[in-house]
Amino acid sequence: MINPLFLLSKKRKHFLTIGYKDSTNLQQGVILELAKGLPAKVIAIIEARSGVKCEYESEEAKKHLHG
């Protein structure tokens, strides 16, 4: 029998953190958990609409999302 905890530990979770300054110039942020297959699409949309390049936590994260 396979241990369910082992299966959960193999899942890769995708989080997107968005930082911004509010109308009073205070730093704010939001962390979103994205479903598998969505991160690259969401990042492309955010970059296109905002005109700002996204930064990646690591080269491994960037490589994983963009092949």
N, C-alpha and C. Protein backbone atom coordinates (compact mmCIF):
# COMPACT_ATOMS: atom_id res chain seq x y z
N MET A 1 0.84 -1.19 0.00
CA MET A 1 0.00 0.00 0.00
C MET A 1 0.88 1.25 0.00
N ILE A 2 0.49 2.26 -0.76
CA ILE A 2 1.24 3.51 -0.85
C ILE A 2 0.79 4.45 0.25
N ASN A 3 1.73 5.06 0.90
CA ASN A 3 1.44 6.01 1.97
C ASN A 3 0.95 7.33 1.37
N PRO A 4 -0.28 7.77 1.67
CA PRO A 4 -0.80 9.02 1.11
C PRO A 4 0.06 10.24 1.42
N LEU A 5 0.74 10.26 2.55
CA LEU A 5 1.60 11.40 2.88
C LEU A 5 2.76 11.50 1.90
N PHE A 6 3.25 10.36 1.44
CA PHE A 6 4.32 10.37 0.46
C PHE A 6 3.83 11.00 -0.84
N LEU A 7 2.63 10.67 -1.25
CA LEU A 7 2.08 11.25 -2.48
C LEU A 7 1.92 12.76 -2.35
N LEU A 8 1.47 13.21 -1.19
CA LEU A 8 1.31 14.65 -0.98
C LEU A 8 2.65 15.36 -0.98
N SER A 9 3.67 14.71 -0.48
CA SER A 9 4.98 15.36 -0.40
C SER A 9 5.60 15.53 -1.78
N LYS A 10 5.14 14.78 -2.76
CA LYS A 10 5.69 14.89 -4.12
C LYS A 10 5.00 15.96 -4.95
N LYS A 11 3.90 16.49 -4.45
CA LYS A 11 3.19 17.53 -5.21
C LYS A 11 4.01 18.81 -5.20
N ARG A 12 4.00 19.49 -6.32
CA ARG A 12 4.66 20.78 -6.42
C ARG A 12 3.58 21.85 -6.38
N LYS A 13 3.68 22.74 -5.42
CA LYS A 13 2.70 23.82 -5.31
C LYS A 13 3.27 25.06 -5.98
N HIS A 14 2.41 25.83 -6.58
CA HIS A 14 2.81 27.02 -7.31
C HIS A 14 2.20 28.25 -6.63
N PHE A 15 3.07 29.12 -6.16
CA PHE A 15 2.63 30.35 -5.51
C PHE A 15 3.13 31.55 -6.29
N LEU A 16 2.30 32.55 -6.39
CA LEU A 16 2.66 33.80 -7.05
C LEU A 16 2.49 34.91 -6.01
N THR A 17 3.55 35.66 -5.78
CA THR A 17 3.52 36.77 -4.84
C THR A 17 3.52 38.07 -5.64
N ILE A 18 2.60 38.94 -5.34
CA ILE A 18 2.52 40.23 -6.03
C ILE A 18 2.72 41.32 -4.98
N GLY A 19 3.73 42.15 -5.20
CA GLY A 19 4.00 43.27 -4.30
C GLY A 19 3.67 44.58 -5.00
N TYR A 20 3.16 45.52 -4.24
CA TYR A 20 2.79 46.82 -4.80
C TYR A 20 2.71 47.84 -3.67
N LYS A 21 2.64 49.11 -4.06
CA LYS A 21 2.43 50.18 -3.09
C LYS A 21 1.01 50.69 -3.25
N ASP A 22 0.33 50.88 -2.11
CA ASP A 22 -1.05 51.34 -2.15
C ASP A 22 -1.11 52.86 -2.32
N SER A 23 -2.31 53.41 -2.25
CA SER A 23 -2.51 54.85 -2.48
C SER A 23 -1.82 55.73 -1.44
N THR A 24 -1.48 55.15 -0.28
CA THR A 24 -0.76 55.90 0.74
C THR A 24 0.74 55.59 0.72
N ASN A 25 1.17 54.94 -0.35
CA ASN A 25 2.57 54.60 -0.58
C ASN A 25 3.13 53.54 0.39
N LEU A 26 2.25 52.75 0.99
CA LEU A 26 2.67 51.66 1.86
C LEU A 26 2.82 50.38 1.05
N GLN A 27 3.88 49.63 1.34
CA GLN A 27 4.12 48.37 0.64
C GLN A 27 3.04 47.35 1.03
N GLN A 28 2.43 46.75 0.05
CA GLN A 28 1.40 45.74 0.25
C GLN A 28 1.77 44.50 -0.55
N GLY A 29 1.08 43.42 -0.32
CA GLY A 29 1.35 42.21 -1.09
C GLY A 29 0.23 41.21 -0.96
N VAL A 30 0.21 40.29 -1.90
CA VAL A 30 -0.76 39.21 -1.91
C VAL A 30 -0.04 37.97 -2.41
N ILE A 31 -0.38 36.82 -1.83
CA ILE A 31 0.19 35.55 -2.26
C ILE A 31 -0.96 34.69 -2.77
N LEU A 32 -0.81 34.22 -4.02
CA LEU A 32 -1.84 33.40 -4.65
C LEU A 32 -1.30 32.00 -4.89
N GLU A 33 -2.10 30.98 -4.62
CA GLU A 33 -1.72 29.62 -4.99
C GLU A 33 -2.42 29.33 -6.32
N LEU A 34 -1.62 28.93 -7.31
CA LEU A 34 -2.16 28.68 -8.65
C LEU A 34 -2.20 27.19 -8.94
N ALA A 35 -3.21 26.78 -9.68
CA ALA A 35 -3.35 25.38 -10.06
C ALA A 35 -2.24 24.98 -11.04
N LYS A 36 -1.93 23.71 -11.07
CA LYS A 36 -0.92 23.18 -11.99
C LYS A 36 -1.29 23.59 -13.41
N GLY A 37 -0.30 24.05 -14.17
CA GLY A 37 -0.53 24.44 -15.55
C GLY A 37 -0.87 25.91 -15.73
N LEU A 38 -1.18 26.62 -14.66
CA LEU A 38 -1.56 28.03 -14.77
C LEU A 38 -0.43 29.04 -14.58
N PRO A 39 0.59 28.76 -13.79
CA PRO A 39 1.58 29.81 -13.49
C PRO A 39 2.18 30.51 -14.70
N ALA A 40 2.63 29.78 -15.69
CA ALA A 40 3.26 30.42 -16.86
C ALA A 40 2.26 31.33 -17.59
N LYS A 41 1.01 30.88 -17.71
CA LYS A 41 -0.02 31.68 -18.38
C LYS A 41 -0.33 32.95 -17.59
N VAL A 42 -0.49 32.80 -16.29
CA VAL A 42 -0.82 33.95 -15.44
C VAL A 42 0.32 34.97 -15.46
N ILE A 43 1.56 34.48 -15.37
CA ILE A 43 2.72 35.39 -15.41
C ILE A 43 2.78 36.13 -16.74
N ALA A 44 2.53 35.44 -17.84
CA ALA A 44 2.55 36.09 -19.16
C ALA A 44 1.48 37.18 -19.24
N ILE A 45 0.31 36.92 -18.71
CA ILE A 45 -0.78 37.91 -18.72
C ILE A 45 -0.42 39.12 -17.86
N ILE A 46 0.11 38.87 -16.67
CA ILE A 46 0.48 39.97 -15.77
C ILE A 46 1.57 40.83 -16.40
N GLU A 47 2.58 40.20 -17.00
CA GLU A 47 3.65 40.96 -17.65
C GLU A 47 3.12 41.78 -18.81
N ALA A 48 2.23 41.20 -19.61
CA ALA A 48 1.68 41.91 -20.78
C ALA A 48 0.82 43.10 -20.37
N ARG A 49 0.01 42.92 -19.36
CA ARG A 49 -0.91 43.99 -18.94
C ARG A 49 -0.26 45.07 -18.10
N SER A 50 0.75 44.69 -17.32
CA SER A 50 1.39 45.67 -16.43
C SER A 50 2.62 46.33 -17.06
N GLY A 51 3.22 45.66 -18.03
CA GLY A 51 4.46 46.17 -18.61
C GLY A 51 5.67 45.96 -17.71
N VAL A 52 5.50 45.15 -16.66
CA VAL A 52 6.58 44.89 -15.70
C VAL A 52 6.98 43.43 -15.80
N LYS A 53 8.30 43.16 -15.90
CA LYS A 53 8.80 41.79 -15.93
C LYS A 53 8.71 41.18 -14.54
N CYS A 54 8.23 39.95 -14.47
CA CYS A 54 8.16 39.23 -13.20
C CYS A 54 9.54 38.72 -12.81
N GLU A 55 9.79 38.68 -11.53
CA GLU A 55 11.03 38.12 -10.99
C GLU A 55 10.73 36.74 -10.45
N TYR A 56 11.69 35.84 -10.58
CA TYR A 56 11.51 34.48 -10.11
C TYR A 56 12.31 34.25 -8.84
N GLU A 57 11.76 33.39 -7.99
CA GLU A 57 12.41 33.05 -6.72
C GLU A 57 13.78 32.44 -6.97
N SER A 58 13.91 31.65 -8.03
CA SER A 58 15.17 30.98 -8.34
C SER A 58 15.21 30.63 -9.81
N GLU A 59 16.38 30.27 -10.29
CA GLU A 59 16.51 29.83 -11.68
C GLU A 59 15.75 28.52 -11.88
N GLU A 60 15.70 27.68 -10.84
CA GLU A 60 14.97 26.42 -10.93
C GLU A 60 13.48 26.68 -11.16
N ALA A 61 12.92 27.65 -10.46
CA ALA A 61 11.51 27.99 -10.62
C ALA A 61 11.24 28.49 -12.03
N LYS A 62 12.12 29.34 -12.53
CA LYS A 62 11.96 29.88 -13.89
C LYS A 62 12.07 28.76 -14.92
N LYS A 63 13.03 27.89 -14.74
CA LYS A 63 13.25 26.78 -15.66
C LYS A 63 12.05 25.83 -15.65
N HIS A 64 11.51 25.57 -14.46
CA HIS A 64 10.37 24.67 -14.34
C HIS A 64 9.15 25.21 -15.07
N LEU A 65 8.92 26.50 -14.99
CA LEU A 65 7.74 27.09 -15.62
C LEU A 65 7.89 27.29 -17.11
N HIS A 66 9.11 27.50 -17.58
CA HIS A 66 9.31 27.84 -18.99
C HIS A 66 10.09 26.78 -19.75
N GLY A 67 10.33 25.65 -19.12
CA GLY A 67 11.00 24.54 -19.79
C GLY A 67 12.39 24.76 -20.06
